[in-house]
Amino acid sequence: MVRRSGKKLFVEGGGDNDALKAECRKGFREFLEKAGLKGRMPRIVACGGRSQAYSQFCVAIGEAANGDVFILLVDSEGPVSTPADAAQPWDHVNNREGDGWDRPKGAVDDDLHFMVECMESWFLADKRALESFFGQGFREGALPANPRIEEISKADIYDGLKNATRETQKCSYGKGAHSFQILAIIDPTKVRDASPYAARLLNHLYQVL
């Protein structure tokens, strides 16, 4: 039997809940299909926590065969010292307190990608989508105004989302309840334009899929 090459995107997200992992896969699938990858999608693996995503990626890359494409996508959890066009992502996760991740044998820098500093960074690139999702009572002015979304701290992003949505019918933003539904509706072009690291991810997917 001829072995078919594997193409998998290991993503941080979904927790330990099967239903939420399904929402995670759906959100990323719809986002990436709108980004131009429909018909050549990788299998999206919702790994739960950050360390679980790294562990599953390490197992996969250790068993990789010719033609396999395995990519790890996680939050950076903090400022990244190198720009996307000179990214050294394994140095970031190796040096970051709480990670200390070694680059697994066979992995290269193009195998690791960040949602800087968190997935919700991407949401700030499409505030119209947020307004449409939350509806009446949404306060765009409570969101961070910096168009350089990669410069906004995770804490400021979460505070902004909480304050912008607290008076809506959906109530304050909740990562589990809302995050992947929002991911599915935001505009990938706006995200790509606002986030060099998102552009780095999409460019790599276009090349290898």
Protein backbone atom coordinates (compact mmCIF):
# COMPACT_ATOMS: atom_id res chain seq x y z
CA MET A 1 0.00 0.00 0.00
CA VAL A 2 1.32 3.45 -0.93
CA ARG A 3 1.39 5.78 2.05
CA ARG A 4 -0.33 9.11 1.42
CA SER A 5 1.58 12.15 2.64
CA GLY A 6 0.19 13.87 5.71
CA LYS A 7 -0.59 17.55 5.78
CA LYS A 8 -1.57 18.70 9.26
CA LEU A 9 -1.89 22.00 11.07
CA PHE A 10 -1.54 21.51 14.84
CA VAL A 11 -3.31 24.43 16.53
CA GLU A 12 -3.51 25.55 20.13
CA GLY A 13 -7.16 25.64 21.14
CA GLY A 14 -10.25 23.69 22.09
CA GLY A 15 -9.33 22.76 25.63
CA ASP A 16 -10.35 19.28 26.80
CA ASN A 17 -13.90 19.56 25.44
CA ASP A 18 -14.74 17.60 22.27
CA ALA A 19 -17.46 20.05 21.25
CA LEU A 20 -15.10 23.01 21.64
CA LYS A 21 -12.39 21.21 19.68
CA ALA A 22 -14.92 20.73 16.88
CA GLU A 23 -15.66 24.48 17.00
CA CYS A 24 -11.92 25.15 16.87
CA ARG A 25 -11.46 23.00 13.77
CA LYS A 26 -14.49 24.60 12.12
CA GLY A 27 -13.30 28.13 12.87
CA PHE A 28 -9.83 27.58 11.47
CA ARG A 29 -11.17 25.69 8.46
CA GLU A 30 -13.55 28.49 7.49
CA PHE A 31 -10.89 31.15 8.06
CA LEU A 32 -8.33 29.34 5.91
CA GLU A 33 -10.79 28.46 3.17
CA LYS A 34 -11.72 32.14 2.87
CA ALA A 35 -8.00 32.91 2.72
CA GLY A 36 -7.78 30.97 -0.54
CA LEU A 37 -6.98 27.44 0.62
CA LYS A 38 -10.30 25.80 -0.18
CA GLY A 39 -9.68 22.50 -1.93
CA ARG A 40 -6.14 22.11 -0.59
CA MET A 41 -6.66 22.30 3.14
CA PRO A 42 -4.46 20.59 5.70
CA ARG A 43 -6.08 18.45 8.34
CA ILE A 44 -6.63 20.76 11.32
CA VAL A 45 -5.73 19.16 14.64
CA ALA A 46 -7.24 20.99 17.64
CA CYS A 47 -4.77 20.08 20.36
CA GLY A 48 -6.21 21.79 23.41
CA GLY A 49 -3.55 23.52 25.47
CA ARG A 50 -0.32 25.04 24.30
CA SER A 51 1.94 22.29 25.62
CA GLN A 52 -0.30 19.59 24.14
CA ALA A 53 0.01 21.24 20.72
CA TYR A 54 3.80 21.18 20.98
CA SER A 55 3.80 17.56 22.15
CA GLN A 56 1.57 16.36 19.33
CA PHE A 57 3.65 18.24 16.77
CA CYS A 58 6.85 16.68 18.13
CA VAL A 59 5.41 13.18 17.80
CA ALA A 60 4.29 13.88 14.24
CA ILE A 61 7.57 15.43 13.09
CA GLY A 62 9.47 12.54 14.63
CA GLU A 63 7.51 10.09 12.48
CA ALA A 64 7.42 12.27 9.32
CA ALA A 65 8.03 10.77 5.91
CA ASN A 66 8.82 12.39 2.58
CA GLY A 67 5.96 14.62 1.47
CA ASP A 68 4.58 15.22 4.96
CA VAL A 69 3.77 18.79 5.96
CA PHE A 70 3.38 19.39 9.69
CA ILE A 71 2.89 22.93 11.01
CA LEU A 72 2.51 24.13 14.60
CA LEU A 73 0.40 27.25 15.26
CA VAL A 74 0.29 28.71 18.78
CA ASP A 75 -0.04 32.03 20.56
CA SER A 76 3.27 33.76 21.10
CA GLU A 77 2.01 34.72 24.60
CA GLY A 78 4.21 37.81 24.56
CA PRO A 79 6.20 40.16 22.33
CA VAL A 80 8.28 38.45 19.64
CA SER A 81 11.75 39.93 19.33
CA THR A 82 12.25 39.22 15.63
CA PRO A 83 10.09 40.55 12.77
CA ALA A 84 8.10 38.08 10.70
CA ASP A 85 10.41 38.37 7.71
CA ALA A 86 13.35 37.31 9.89
CA ALA A 87 11.44 35.04 12.23
CA GLN A 88 13.28 32.76 14.61
CA PRO A 89 10.26 31.21 16.32
CA TRP A 90 12.05 28.29 17.94
CA ASP A 91 14.34 30.73 19.76
CA HIS A 92 11.23 32.51 21.10
CA VAL A 93 9.62 29.38 22.55
CA ASN A 94 12.94 28.06 23.80
CA ASN A 95 13.69 31.26 25.71
CA ARG A 96 10.17 32.11 26.88
CA GLU A 97 9.54 31.43 30.57
CA GLY A 98 6.91 28.74 30.84
CA ASP A 99 7.88 27.11 27.54
CA GLY A 100 11.53 26.13 27.23
CA TRP A 101 10.68 24.19 24.08
CA ASP A 102 13.51 22.63 22.12
CA ARG A 103 13.23 22.49 18.36
CA PRO A 104 12.50 18.85 17.56
CA LYS A 105 14.86 17.03 15.22
CA GLY A 106 13.79 17.57 11.64
CA ALA A 107 11.83 20.76 12.31
CA VAL A 108 12.70 24.10 10.71
CA ASP A 109 11.63 27.67 11.43
CA ASP A 110 8.89 27.50 8.78
CA ASP A 111 7.20 24.74 10.78
CA LEU A 112 6.33 27.05 13.71
CA HIS A 113 3.96 30.01 13.47
CA PHE A 114 2.43 32.49 15.93
CA MET A 115 -0.85 34.24 16.51
CA VAL A 116 0.77 37.32 18.01
CA GLU A 117 0.28 37.67 21.00
CA CYS A 118 -2.92 35.59 20.94
CA MET A 119 -5.58 34.51 18.47
CA GLU A 120 -7.73 37.44 19.56
CA SER A 121 -5.07 39.75 18.10
CA TRP A 122 -6.50 38.80 14.72
CA PHE A 123 -10.00 39.93 15.73
CA LEU A 124 -8.81 43.53 16.09
CA ALA A 125 -8.04 43.58 12.36
CA ASP A 126 -11.76 43.25 11.57
CA LYS A 127 -13.74 45.32 14.03
CA ARG A 128 -16.73 45.33 11.67
CA ALA A 129 -16.98 41.56 12.09
CA LEU A 130 -16.89 41.96 15.87
CA GLU A 131 -19.65 44.55 15.72
CA SER A 132 -21.74 42.27 13.51
CA PHE A 133 -21.23 39.30 15.83
CA PHE A 134 -22.03 41.06 19.12
CA GLY A 135 -24.70 43.44 17.78
CA GLN A 136 -26.43 46.12 19.78
CA GLY A 137 -24.45 47.46 22.71
CA PHE A 138 -21.05 46.74 21.16
CA ARG A 139 -18.61 49.57 21.94
CA GLU A 140 -15.84 49.68 19.34
CA GLY A 141 -14.22 52.61 21.13
CA ALA A 142 -13.34 50.33 24.06
CA LEU A 143 -11.03 48.25 21.86
CA PRO A 144 -7.31 49.07 21.56
CA ALA A 145 -6.90 51.58 18.75
CA ASN A 146 -3.36 50.71 17.66
CA PRO A 147 -3.56 49.40 14.07
CA ARG A 148 -0.32 47.49 14.66
CA ILE A 149 -2.14 44.61 16.30
CA GLU A 150 1.04 42.64 17.00
CA GLU A 151 2.19 45.40 19.35
CA ILE A 152 -0.90 45.11 21.58
CA SER A 153 -0.43 43.03 24.72
CA LYS A 154 -2.60 40.01 25.40
CA ALA A 155 -3.89 41.66 28.58
CA ASP A 156 -4.94 44.81 26.74
CA ILE A 157 -6.67 42.75 24.05
CA TYR A 158 -8.72 40.79 26.58
CA ASP A 159 -9.56 43.90 28.58
CA GLY A 160 -10.65 45.69 25.42
CA LEU A 161 -12.86 42.82 24.26
CA LYS A 162 -14.43 42.52 27.69
CA ASN A 163 -15.20 46.23 27.91
CA ALA A 164 -16.44 46.45 24.32
CA THR A 165 -18.91 43.59 24.72
CA ARG A 166 -20.14 43.77 28.31
CA GLU A 167 -23.41 45.53 27.33
CA THR A 168 -24.29 43.27 24.39
CA GLN A 169 -26.88 40.48 24.41
CA LYS A 170 -24.07 37.94 24.09
CA CYS A 171 -22.53 39.48 27.23
CA SER A 172 -18.79 39.87 27.77
CA TYR A 173 -16.44 38.13 25.39
CA GLY A 174 -15.74 34.56 26.42
CA LYS A 175 -12.88 32.65 24.85
CA GLY A 176 -14.68 29.33 24.85
CA ALA A 177 -18.11 30.62 23.92
CA HIS A 178 -17.20 33.09 21.20
CA SER A 179 -13.63 32.78 19.97
CA PHE A 180 -13.93 30.21 17.18
CA GLN A 181 -17.27 31.55 15.98
CA ILE A 182 -15.59 34.93 15.50
CA LEU A 183 -12.54 33.34 13.83
CA ALA A 184 -14.89 31.84 11.25
CA ILE A 185 -16.31 35.23 10.20
CA ILE A 186 -13.34 37.62 10.25
CA ASP A 187 -11.77 38.67 6.96
CA PRO A 188 -8.41 36.92 6.36
CA THR A 189 -7.30 39.71 4.04
CA LYS A 190 -7.67 42.26 6.84
CA VAL A 191 -5.83 39.97 9.24
CA ARG A 192 -3.02 39.42 6.77
CA ASP A 193 -2.66 43.16 6.15
CA ALA A 194 -2.54 43.95 9.88
CA SER A 195 -0.34 41.08 11.05
CA PRO A 196 3.00 40.22 9.39
CA TYR A 197 3.05 36.94 11.32
CA ALA A 198 -0.38 36.02 9.94
CA ALA A 199 0.92 36.85 6.47
CA ARG A 200 3.94 34.63 7.15
CA LEU A 201 1.61 31.73 8.04
CA LEU A 202 -0.63 32.16 5.00
CA ASN A 203 2.30 32.59 2.61
CA HIS A 204 3.83 29.38 3.90
CA LEU A 205 0.56 27.47 3.56
CA TYR A 206 0.17 28.70 -0.02
CA GLN A 207 3.65 27.39 -0.80
CA VAL A 208 3.45 23.95 0.77
CA LEU A 209 -0.17 22.89 0.18
